[in-house]
PDB file of N, CA and C in Angstrom:
ATOM      1  N   MET A   1     145.225 141.202  54.018  1.00  0.00           N
ATOM      2  CA  MET A   1     144.005 142.088  53.886  1.00  0.00           C
ATOM      3  C   MET A   1     144.464 142.906  54.800  1.00  0.00           C
ATOM      4  N   ARG A   2     144.819 144.470  55.158  1.00  0.00           N
ATOM      5  CA  ARG A   2     144.751 145.390  56.095  1.00  0.00           C
ATOM      6  C   ARG A   2     143.930 145.238  56.423  1.00  0.00           C
ATOM      7  N   ALA A   3     144.538 145.733  58.085  1.00  0.00           N
ATOM      8  CA  ALA A   3     143.205 146.059  59.268  1.00  0.00           C
ATOM      9  C   ALA A   3     142.309 147.111  58.675  1.00  0.00           C
ATOM     10  N   ASP A   4     142.456 148.344  58.071  1.00  0.00           N
ATOM     11  CA  ASP A   4     142.354 149.268  57.348  1.00  0.00           C
ATOM     12  C   ASP A   4     140.966 148.748  56.737  1.00  0.00           C
ATOM     13  N   ASP A   5     141.498 147.673  55.771  1.00  0.00           N
ATOM     14  CA  ASP A   5     140.524 147.208  54.680  1.00  0.00           C
ATOM     15  C   ASP A   5     139.402 146.289  55.439  1.00  0.00           C
ATOM     16  N   ILE A   6     139.840 145.535  56.720  1.00  0.00           N
ATOM     17  CA  ILE A   6     138.630 144.939  57.547  1.00  0.00           C
ATOM     18  C   ILE A   6     138.146 145.849  57.811  1.00  0.00           C
ATOM     19  N   ASN A   7     138.051 147.072  58.428  1.00  0.00           N
ATOM     20  CA  ASN A   7     137.210 147.922  58.985  1.00  0.00           C
ATOM     21  C   ASN A   7     136.366 148.368  58.621  1.00  0.00           C
ATOM     22  N   GLU A   8     137.021 148.658  57.277  1.00  0.00           N
ATOM     23  CA  GLU A   8     136.081 149.238  56.004  1.00  0.00           C
ATOM     24  C   GLU A   8     135.012 148.547  55.388  1.00  0.00           C
ATOM     25  N   ALA A   9     135.178 146.912  55.222  1.00  0.00           N
ATOM     26  CA  ALA A   9     134.277 146.044  54.920  1.00  0.00           C
ATOM     27  C   ALA A   9     133.472 145.953  56.206  1.00  0.00           C
ATOM     28  N   LYS A  10     133.992 145.927  57.201  1.00  0.00           N
ATOM     29  CA  LYS A  10     133.098 145.149  58.667  1.00  0.00           C
ATOM     30  C   LYS A  10     131.685 146.507  58.756  1.00  0.00           C
ATOM     31  N   GLN A  11     132.372 147.793  58.255  1.00  0.00           N
ATOM     32  CA  GLN A  11     131.539 149.110  58.402  1.00  0.00           C
ATOM     33  C   GLN A  11     130.348 149.024  57.080  1.00  0.00           C
ATOM     34  N   ALA A  12     130.858 148.447  56.022  1.00  0.00           N
ATOM     35  CA  ALA A  12     130.354 148.240  54.622  1.00  0.00           C
ATOM     36  C   ALA A  12     128.873 147.376  55.223  1.00  0.00           C
ATOM     37  N   LEU A  13     129.472 146.293  55.525  1.00  0.00           N
ATOM     38  CA  LEU A  13     128.431 145.187  56.361  1.00  0.00           C
ATOM     39  C   LEU A  13     127.410 145.556  56.859  1.00  0.00           C
ATOM     40  N   ARG A  14     128.012 146.224  58.480  1.00  0.00           N
ATOM     41  CA  ARG A  14     126.907 146.966  59.477  1.00  0.00           C
ATOM     42  C   ARG A  14     125.890 147.955  58.432  1.00  0.00           C
ATOM     43  N   LYS A  15     126.464 148.369  57.712  1.00  0.00           N
ATOM     44  CA  LYS A  15     125.479 149.007  56.971  1.00  0.00           C
ATOM     45  C   LYS A  15     124.464 148.331  56.184  1.00  0.00           C
ATOM     46  N   SER A  16     124.732 147.583  55.422  1.00  0.00           N
ATOM     47  CA  SER A  16     124.116 146.697  54.556  1.00  0.00           C
ATOM     48  C   SER A  16     122.854 146.071  55.473  1.00  0.00           C
ATOM     49  N   LEU A  17     123.690 145.494  56.368  1.00  0.00           N
ATOM     50  CA  LEU A  17     122.625 144.791  57.901  1.00  0.00           C
ATOM     51  C   LEU A  17     121.422 146.322  57.705  1.00  0.00           C
ATOM     52  N   ALA A  18     122.017 147.046  58.454  1.00  0.00           N
ATOM     53  CA  ALA A  18     120.840 148.540  58.657  1.00  0.00           C
ATOM     54  C   ALA A  18     119.798 148.425  58.147  1.00  0.00           C
ATOM     55  N   ASP A  19     120.554 148.862  56.594  1.00  0.00           N
ATOM     56  CA  ASP A  19     119.647 149.090  55.374  1.00  0.00           C
ATOM     57  C   ASP A  19     118.395 147.380  55.362  1.00  0.00           C
ATOM     58  N   GLY A  20     119.008 146.571  55.353  1.00  0.00           N
ATOM     59  CA  GLY A  20     118.025 145.621  55.320  1.00  0.00           C
ATOM     60  C   GLY A  20     117.286 145.553  56.264  1.00  0.00           C
ATOM     61  N   GLU A  21     117.540 145.763  57.816  1.00  0.00           N
ATOM     62  CA  GLU A  21     116.682 145.814  58.962  1.00  0.00           C
ATOM     63  C   GLU A  21     115.003 146.884  58.620  1.00  0.00           C
ATOM     64  N   ARG A  22     115.937 148.028  58.072  1.00  0.00           N
ATOM     65  CA  ARG A  22     114.946 149.070  57.832  1.00  0.00           C
ATOM     66  C   ARG A  22     114.012 148.624  56.731  1.00  0.00           C
ATOM     67  N   ARG A  23     114.441 148.068  55.672  1.00  0.00           N
ATOM     68  CA  ARG A  23     113.599 147.489  54.518  1.00  0.00           C
ATOM     69  C   ARG A  23     112.366 146.533  55.057  1.00  0.00           C
ATOM     70  N   LEU A  24     112.932 145.878  56.048  1.00  0.00           N
ATOM     71  CA  LEU A  24     112.329 144.965  56.752  1.00  0.00           C
ATOM     72  C   LEU A  24     111.154 145.424  57.598  1.00  0.00           C
ATOM     73  N   GLU A  25     111.234 146.760  58.170  1.00  0.00           N
ATOM     74  CA  GLU A  25     109.931 147.430  59.522  1.00  0.00           C
ATOM     75  C   GLU A  25     109.703 147.937  58.062  1.00  0.00           C
ATOM     76  N   ARG A  26     109.893 148.459  56.858  1.00  0.00           N
ATOM     77  CA  ARG A  26     108.759 149.182  56.044  1.00  0.00           C
ATOM     78  C   ARG A  26     107.976 148.253  55.574  1.00  0.00           C
ATOM     79  N   VAL A  27     108.494 146.685  54.965  1.00  0.00           N
ATOM     80  CA  VAL A  27     107.587 145.690  54.581  1.00  0.00           C
ATOM     81  C   VAL A  27     106.220 145.705  55.678  1.00  0.00           C
ATOM     82  N   GLU A  28     107.391 145.459  56.806  1.00  0.00           N
ATOM     83  CA  GLU A  28     105.929 145.364  58.157  1.00  0.00           C
ATOM     84  C   GLU A  28     104.915 145.988  58.055  1.00  0.00           C
ATOM     85  N   ASP A  29     105.492 147.906  58.398  1.00  0.00           N
ATOM     86  CA  ASP A  29     104.390 148.479  58.361  1.00  0.00           C
ATOM     87  C   ASP A  29     103.732 148.809  57.082  1.00  0.00           C
ATOM     88  N   GLU A  30     104.225 148.203  55.882  1.00  0.00           N
ATOM     89  CA  GLU A  30     102.928 148.420  54.837  1.00  0.00           C
ATOM     90  C   GLU A  30     102.214 147.009  54.940  1.00  0.00           C
ATOM     91  N   TYR A  31     102.495 145.492  55.453  1.00  0.00           N
ATOM     92  CA  TYR A  31     101.617 145.536  55.405  1.00  0.00           C
ATOM     93  C   TYR A  31     100.642 145.401  56.516  1.00  0.00           C
ATOM     94  N   ASP A  32     100.876 145.908  57.868  1.00  0.00           N
ATOM     95  CA  ASP A  32     100.153 146.548  59.323  1.00  0.00           C
ATOM     96  C   ASP A  32      98.723 147.258  57.970  1.00  0.00           C
ATOM     97  N   ALA A  33      99.437 147.868  57.467  1.00  0.00           N
ATOM     98  CA  ALA A  33      98.952 149.109  56.764  1.00  0.00           C
ATOM     99  C   ALA A  33      97.638 148.832  55.661  1.00  0.00           C
ATOM    100  N   GLU A  34      97.585 147.514  55.849  1.00  0.00           N
ATOM    101  CA  GLU A  34      96.859 146.782  54.591  1.00  0.00           C
ATOM    102  C   GLU A  34      97.226 147.160  53.211  1.00  0.00           C
ATOM    103  N   GLU A  35      98.348 147.534  52.967  1.00  0.00           N
ATOM    104  CA  GLU A  35      99.287 148.245  51.748  1.00  0.00           C
ATOM    105  C   GLU A  35      99.775 146.863  50.743  1.00  0.00           C
ATOM    106  N   ILE A  36      99.862 145.981  51.576  1.00  0.00           N
ATOM    107  CA  ILE A  36     100.394 145.192  50.463  1.00  0.00           C
ATOM    108  C   ILE A  36      99.264 143.118  51.216  1.00  0.00           C
ATOM    109  N   THR A  37      99.594 142.907  50.585  1.00  0.00           N
ATOM    110  CA  THR A  37      99.242 141.445  50.599  1.00  0.00           C
ATOM    111  C   THR A  37      99.918 140.320  51.705  1.00  0.00           C
ATOM    112  N   LYS A  38      99.334 139.462  52.290  1.00  0.00           N
ATOM    113  CA  LYS A  38     100.029 138.458  53.174  1.00  0.00           C
ATOM    114  C   LYS A  38     100.794 137.648  52.274  1.00  0.00           C
ATOM    115  N   VAL A  39     100.585 138.021  51.204  1.00  0.00           N
ATOM    116  CA  VAL A  39     101.445 136.381  49.658  1.00  0.00           C
ATOM    117  C   VAL A  39     102.839 137.592  49.716  1.00  0.00           C
ATOM    118  N   GLU A  40     102.652 139.011  49.479  1.00  0.00           N
ATOM    119  CA  GLU A  40     102.988 139.863  48.962  1.00  0.00           C
ATOM    120  C   GLU A  40     104.174 140.276  49.906  1.00  0.00           C
ATOM    121  N   TYR A  41     103.995 140.088  51.090  1.00  0.00           N
ATOM    122  CA  TYR A  41     104.842 140.515  52.619  1.00  0.00           C
ATOM    123  C   TYR A  41     105.725 139.207  52.675  1.00  0.00           C
ATOM    124  N   ARG A  42     104.890 138.012  52.864  1.00  0.00           N
ATOM    125  CA  ARG A  42     105.654 137.102  52.445  1.00  0.00           C
ATOM    126  C   ARG A  42     107.060 136.871  51.979  1.00  0.00           C
ATOM    127  N   ARG A  43     106.538 137.181  50.342  1.00  0.00           N
ATOM    128  CA  ARG A  43     107.816 137.366  48.923  1.00  0.00           C
ATOM    129  C   ARG A  43     108.965 138.227  49.657  1.00  0.00           C
ATOM    130  N   ARG A  44     108.240 139.320  50.000  1.00  0.00           N
ATOM    131  CA  ARG A  44     109.488 140.727  50.132  1.00  0.00           C
ATOM    132  C   ARG A  44     110.417 140.176  51.753  1.00  0.00           C
ATOM    133  N   ARG A  45     109.327 139.556  52.443  1.00  0.00           N
ATOM    134  CA  ARG A  45     110.197 139.392  53.470  1.00  0.00           C
ATOM    135  C   ARG A  45     111.190 138.272  53.312  1.00  0.00           C
ATOM    136  N   ALA A  46     110.889 137.319  52.855  1.00  0.00           N
ATOM    137  CA  ALA A  46     111.936 136.399  52.600  1.00  0.00           C
ATOM    138  C   ALA A  46     112.598 137.321  52.014  1.00  0.00           C
ATOM    139  N   LYS A  47     112.803 137.542  50.760  1.00  0.00           N
ATOM    140  CA  LYS A  47     113.783 137.906  50.012  1.00  0.00           C
ATOM    141  C   LYS A  47     114.805 138.995  51.001  1.00  0.00           C
ATOM    142  N   ILE A  48     114.244 139.490  51.571  1.00  0.00           N
ATOM    143  CA  ILE A  48     115.100 140.930  52.260  1.00  0.00           C
ATOM    144  C   ILE A  48     115.909 139.663  53.508  1.00  0.00           C
ATOM    145  N   MET A  49     114.999 139.040  54.232  1.00  0.00           N
ATOM    146  CA  MET A  49     115.830 137.795  55.297  1.00  0.00           C
ATOM    147  C   MET A  49     117.155 137.057  54.408  1.00  0.00           C
ATOM    148  N   LYS A  50     116.861 136.841  53.272  1.00  0.00           N
ATOM    149  CA  LYS A  50     118.044 136.206  52.748  1.00  0.00           C
ATOM    150  C   LYS A  50     119.240 137.214  52.375  1.00  0.00           C
ATOM    151  N   GLN A  51     119.253 137.853  52.252  1.00  0.00           N
ATOM    152  CA  GLN A  51     120.390 138.999  51.957  1.00  0.00           C
ATOM    153  C   GLN A  51     120.426 139.712  53.149  1.00  0.00           C
ATOM    154  N   VAL A  52     119.841 139.197  54.310  1.00  0.00           N
ATOM    155  CA  VAL A  52     120.381 139.859  55.809  1.00  0.00           C
ATOM    156  C   VAL A  52     120.522 138.831  56.297  1.00  0.00           C
ATOM    157  N   ASP A  53     120.529 137.307  56.041  1.00  0.00           N
ATOM    158  CA  ASP A  53     121.476 136.579  56.456  1.00  0.00           C
ATOM    159  C   ASP A  53     122.572 136.387  55.921  1.00  0.00           C
ATOM    160  N   ALA A  54     122.483 136.493  54.516  1.00  0.00           N
ATOM    161  CA  ALA A  54     123.812 136.209  54.031  1.00  0.00           C
ATOM    162  C   ALA A  54     124.927 137.708  54.478  1.00  0.00           C
ATOM    163  N   GLY A  55     124.373 138.863  54.830  1.00  0.00           N
ATOM    164  CA  GLY A  55     125.377 139.801  55.078  1.00  0.00           C
ATOM    165  C   GLY A  55     125.665 139.700  56.952  1.00  0.00           C
ATOM    166  N   ARG A  56     124.768 138.939  57.594  1.00  0.00           N
ATOM    167  CA  ARG A  56     125.462 138.641  59.355  1.00  0.00           C
ATOM    168  C   ARG A  56     126.657 137.774  58.890  1.00  0.00           C
ATOM    169  N   ALA A  57     126.562 136.748  57.903  1.00  0.00           N
ATOM    170  CA  ALA A  57     127.571 135.297  58.005  1.00  0.00           C
ATOM    171  C   ALA A  57     128.916 136.165  57.491  1.00  0.00           C
ATOM    172  N   ALA A  58     128.214 137.131  56.355  1.00  0.00           N
ATOM    173  CA  ALA A  58     129.547 137.635  55.741  1.00  0.00           C
ATOM    174  C   ALA A  58     130.273 138.491  57.176  1.00  0.00           C
ATOM    175  N   LEU A  59     129.777 138.932  58.070  1.00  0.00           N
ATOM    176  CA  LEU A  59     130.006 140.245  59.000  1.00  0.00           C
ATOM    177  C   LEU A  59     130.671 138.993  59.911  1.00  0.00           C
ATOM    178  N   ALA A  60     130.524 138.021  59.648  1.00  0.00           N
ATOM    179  CA  ALA A  60     131.291 136.727  60.913  1.00  0.00           C
ATOM    180  C   ALA A  60     132.381 136.448  60.273  1.00  0.00           C
ATOM    181  N   LYS A  61     131.924 135.891  59.561  1.00  0.00           N
ATOM    182  CA  LYS A  61     133.745 135.574  58.654  1.00  0.00           C
ATOM    183  C   LYS A  61     134.288 137.083  58.858  1.00  0.00           C
ATOM    184  N   ALA A  62     134.550 138.015  58.581  1.00  0.00           N
ATOM    185  CA  ALA A  62     134.922 138.740  58.639  1.00  0.00           C
ATOM    186  C   ALA A  62     135.704 139.468  59.564  1.00  0.00           C
ATOM    187  N   THR A  63     135.153 139.444  60.624  1.00  0.00           N
ATOM    188  CA  THR A  63     135.035 139.676  62.396  1.00  0.00           C
ATOM    189  C   THR A  63     136.233 138.112  62.611  1.00  0.00           C
ATOM    190  N   ARG A  64     135.549 137.091  62.367  1.00  0.00           N
ATOM    191  CA  ARG A  64     136.610 135.977  62.683  1.00  0.00           C
ATOM    192  C   ARG A  64     138.081 135.786  62.175  1.00  0.00           C
ATOM    193  N   SER A  65     137.985 136.581  60.329  1.00  0.00           N
ATOM    194  CA  SER A  65     139.640 136.896  59.693  1.00  0.00           C
ATOM    195  C   SER A  65     140.461 137.343  60.811  1.00  0.00           C
ATOM    196  N   ARG A  66     140.078 138.418  61.144  1.00  0.00           N
ATOM    197  CA  ARG A  66     140.832 139.703  62.399  1.00  0.00           C
ATOM    198  C   ARG A  66     141.375 138.880  63.472  1.00  0.00           C
ATOM    199  N   VAL A  67     141.427 137.765  63.476  1.00  0.00           N
ATOM    200  CA  VAL A  67     142.528 136.734  64.734  1.00  0.00           C
ATOM    201  C   VAL A  67     143.680 136.862  63.280  1.00  0.00           C
ATOM    202  N   HIS A  68     143.789 136.682  62.091  1.00  0.00           N
ATOM    203  CA  HIS A  68     144.451 136.516  61.492  1.00  0.00           C
ATOM    204  C   HIS A  68     145.401 136.990  61.102  1.00  0.00           C
ATOM    205  N   THR A  69     145.201 138.715  61.684  1.00  0.00           N
ATOM    206  CA  THR A  69     146.183 139.587  61.556  1.00  0.00           C
ATOM    207  C   THR A  69     146.731 139.476  62.470  1.00  0.00           C
ATOM    208  N   ARG A  70     147.683 140.464  62.064  1.00  0.00           N
ATOM    209  CA  ARG A  70     149.508 141.048  63.288  1.00  0.00           C
ATOM    210  C   ARG A  70     148.394 141.386  64.555  1.00  0.00           C
ATOM    211  N   LEU A  71     148.494 141.278  65.896  1.00  0.00           N
ATOM    212  CA  LEU A  71     147.693 141.690  67.397  1.00  0.00           C
ATOM    213  C   LEU A  71     148.765 142.700  67.782  1.00  0.00           C
ATOM    214  N   PRO A  72     147.955 143.824  67.815  1.00  0.00           N
ATOM    215  CA  PRO A  72     148.905 144.514  68.812  1.00  0.00           C
ATOM    216  C   PRO A  72     149.353 144.470  69.969  1.00  0.00           C
ATOM    217  N   SER A  73     150.432 144.871  70.932  1.00  0.00           N
ATOM    218  CA  SER A  73     150.463 144.437  72.199  1.00  0.00           C
ATOM    219  C   SER A  73     151.244 145.534  73.034  1.00  0.00           C
ATOM    220  N   GLY A  74     150.936 145.282  74.618  1.00  0.00           N
ATOM    221  CA  GLY A  74     151.546 146.378  75.194  1.00  0.00           C
ATOM    222  C   GLY A  74     150.396 147.867  75.436  1.00  0.00           C
ATOM    223  N   THR A  75     151.444 148.725  74.948  1.00  0.00           N
ATOM    224  CA  THR A  75     150.695 150.219  74.886  1.00  0.00           C
ATOM    225  C   THR A  75     149.797 150.474  73.380  1.00  0.00           C
ATOM    226  N   ASP A  76     150.336 149.863  72.464  1.00  0.00           N
ATOM    227  CA  ASP A  76     149.667 149.687  71.221  1.00  0.00           C
ATOM    228  C   ASP A  76     148.185 149.023  71.744  1.00  0.00           C
ATOM    229  N   LEU A  77     148.130 148.017  72.320  1.00  0.00           N
ATOM    230  CA  LEU A  77     146.541 147.189  72.768  1.00  0.00           C
ATOM    231  C   LEU A  77     145.964 148.607  73.227  1.00  0.00           C
ATOM    232  N   ARG A  78     146.571 149.236  74.417  1.00  0.00           N
ATOM    233  CA  ARG A  78     145.724 149.929  75.294  1.00  0.00           C
ATOM    234  C   ARG A  78     144.947 151.121  74.601  1.00  0.00           C
ATOM    235  N   ARG A  79     146.058 151.149  73.827  1.00  0.00           N
ATOM    236  CA  ARG A  79     145.816 153.068  73.287  1.00  0.00           C
ATOM    237  C   ARG A  79     144.096 152.254  72.268  1.00  0.00           C
ATOM    238  N   MET A  80     144.535 151.381  71.198  1.00  0.00           N
ATOM    239  CA  MET A  80     143.465 150.996  70.704  1.00  0.00           C
ATOM    240  C   MET A  80     142.171 150.152  71.399  1.00  0.00           C
ATOM    241  N   TRP A  81     142.111 149.711  72.532  1.00  0.00           N
ATOM    242  CA  TRP A  81     140.775 149.056  73.054  1.00  0.00           C
ATOM    243  C   TRP A  81     139.889 150.290  72.988  1.00  0.00           C
ATOM    244  N   ASN A  82     140.163 151.454  73.377  1.00  0.00           N
ATOM    245  CA  ASN A  82     138.420 152.174  73.352  1.00  0.00           C
ATOM    246  C   ASN A  82     138.247 152.445  72.160  1.00  0.00           C
ATOM    247  N   ASP A  83     138.638 152.324  71.133  1.00  0.00           N
ATOM    248  CA  ASP A  83     138.296 152.741  69.878  1.00  0.00           C
ATOM    249  C   ASP A  83     137.650 151.480  68.805  1.00  0.00           C
ATOM    250  N   ARG A  84     137.397 150.069  69.665  1.00  0.00           N
ATOM    251  CA  ARG A  84     137.218 149.077  69.160  1.00  0.00           C
ATOM    252  C   ARG A  84     135.905 148.716  69.255  1.00  0.00           C
ATOM    253  N   ASP A  85     135.367 148.039  68.829  1.00  0.00           N
ATOM    254  CA  ASP A  85     134.060 147.636  69.480  1.00  0.00           C
ATOM    255  C   ASP A  85     134.284 146.251  69.993  1.00  0.00           C
ATOM    256  N   ASN A  86     133.285 145.573  70.918  1.00  0.00           N
ATOM    257  CA  ASN A  86     133.491 144.739  71.584  1.00  0.00           C
ATOM    258  C   ASN A  86     133.285 143.073  71.349  1.00  0.00           C
ATOM    259  N   THR A  87     132.866 142.976  69.814  1.00  0.00           N
ATOM    260  CA  THR A  87     133.351 141.952  69.247  1.00  0.00           C
ATOM    261  C   THR A  87     135.096 141.482  69.108  1.00  0.00           C
ATOM    262  N   TRP A  88     135.910 142.873  69.134  1.00  0.00           N
ATOM    263  CA  TRP A  88     137.036 142.662  68.909  1.00  0.00           C
ATOM    264  C   TRP A  88     137.898 142.320  70.239  1.00  0.00           C
ATOM    265  N   ARG A  89     137.112 143.514  71.385  1.00  0.00           N
ATOM    266  CA  ARG A  89     137.630 143.083  72.553  1.00  0.00           C
ATOM    267  C   ARG A  89     137.535 141.501  73.290  1.00  0.00           C
ATOM    268  N   ARG A  90     135.949 140.867  73.100  1.00  0.00           N
ATOM    269  CA  ARG A  90     136.610 139.644  73.084  1.00  0.00           C
ATOM    270  C   ARG A  90     137.438 139.378  72.449  1.00  0.00           C
ATOM    271  N   THR A  91     137.345 138.945  71.027  1.00  0.00           N
ATOM    272  CA  THR A  91     138.344 138.140  70.849  1.00  0.00           C
ATOM    273  C   THR A  91     140.097 138.244  71.591  1.00  0.00           C
ATOM    274  N   ILE A  92     140.476 139.067  71.226  1.00  0.00           N
ATOM    275  CA  ILE A  92     141.593 139.849  72.565  1.00  0.00           C
ATOM    276  C   ILE A  92     141.763 138.905  73.204  1.00  0.00           C
ATOM    277  N   HIS A  93     140.286 138.906  74.068  1.00  0.00           N
ATOM    278  CA  HIS A  93     140.280 138.395  75.707  1.00  0.00           C
ATOM    279  C   HIS A  93     140.557 136.926  75.583  1.00  0.00           C
ATOM    280  N   GLN A  94     139.428 136.568  74.599  1.00  0.00           N
ATOM    281  CA  GLN A  94     139.736 135.223  74.616  1.00  0.00           C
ATOM    282  C   GLN A  94     140.836 134.684  74.067  1.00  0.00           C
ATOM    283  N   LEU A  95     141.941 135.061  73.118  1.00  0.00           N
ATOM    284  CA  LEU A  95     143.334 134.777  72.869  1.00  0.00           C
ATOM    285  C   LEU A  95     144.284 134.596  73.910  1.00  0.00           C
ATOM    286  N   GLY A  96     143.711 135.707  75.296  1.00  0.00           N
ATOM    287  CA  GLY A  96     144.749 135.498  75.778  1.00  0.00           C
ATOM    288  C   GLY A  96     144.600 134.707  77.145  1.00  0.00           C
ATOM    289  N   HIS A  97     143.548 134.329  77.149  1.00  0.00           N
ATOM    290  CA  HIS A  97     142.773 133.006  78.339  1.00  0.00           C
ATOM    291  C   HIS A  97     143.900 131.862  77.765  1.00  0.00           C
ATOM    292  N   ARG A  98     144.139 131.674  76.175  1.00  0.00           N
ATOM    293  CA  ARG A  98     144.384 130.392  75.288  1.00  0.00           C
ATOM    294  C   ARG A  98     145.425 130.340  75.444  1.00  0.00           C
ATOM    295  N   ALA A  99     146.130 131.430  75.740  1.00  0.00           N
ATOM    296  CA  ALA A  99     147.744 131.644  75.829  1.00  0.00           C
ATOM    297  C   ALA A  99     148.099 130.995  77.016  1.00  0.00           C
ATOM    298  N   HIS A 100     147.405 131.137  78.195  1.00  0.00           N
ATOM    299  CA  HIS A 100     147.398 130.590  79.565  1.00  0.00           C
ATOM    300  C   HIS A 100     147.870 129.569  79.740  1.00  0.00           C
TER     301      HIS A 100
END
């Protein structure tokens, strides 16, 4: 898998997680406004949490798989550093410590 493909997959997973969290908030609001019963709230919440948990697991897996891609070095690494997320940076940092 190319690095661009991995980034696109991660973006899609993050969007899916954000959507799930918004759906969860809506269900909580509906319950707080007494628009749905406690049973309905629990049913919907369980379904949403199952999807969110699956999304989190997929994102974690996608993040780990990046370690297996060809890593940049030198000038390329410095150019990419500010464009990448903290997970990527921590991974690169940890790999550097393991090499010593």
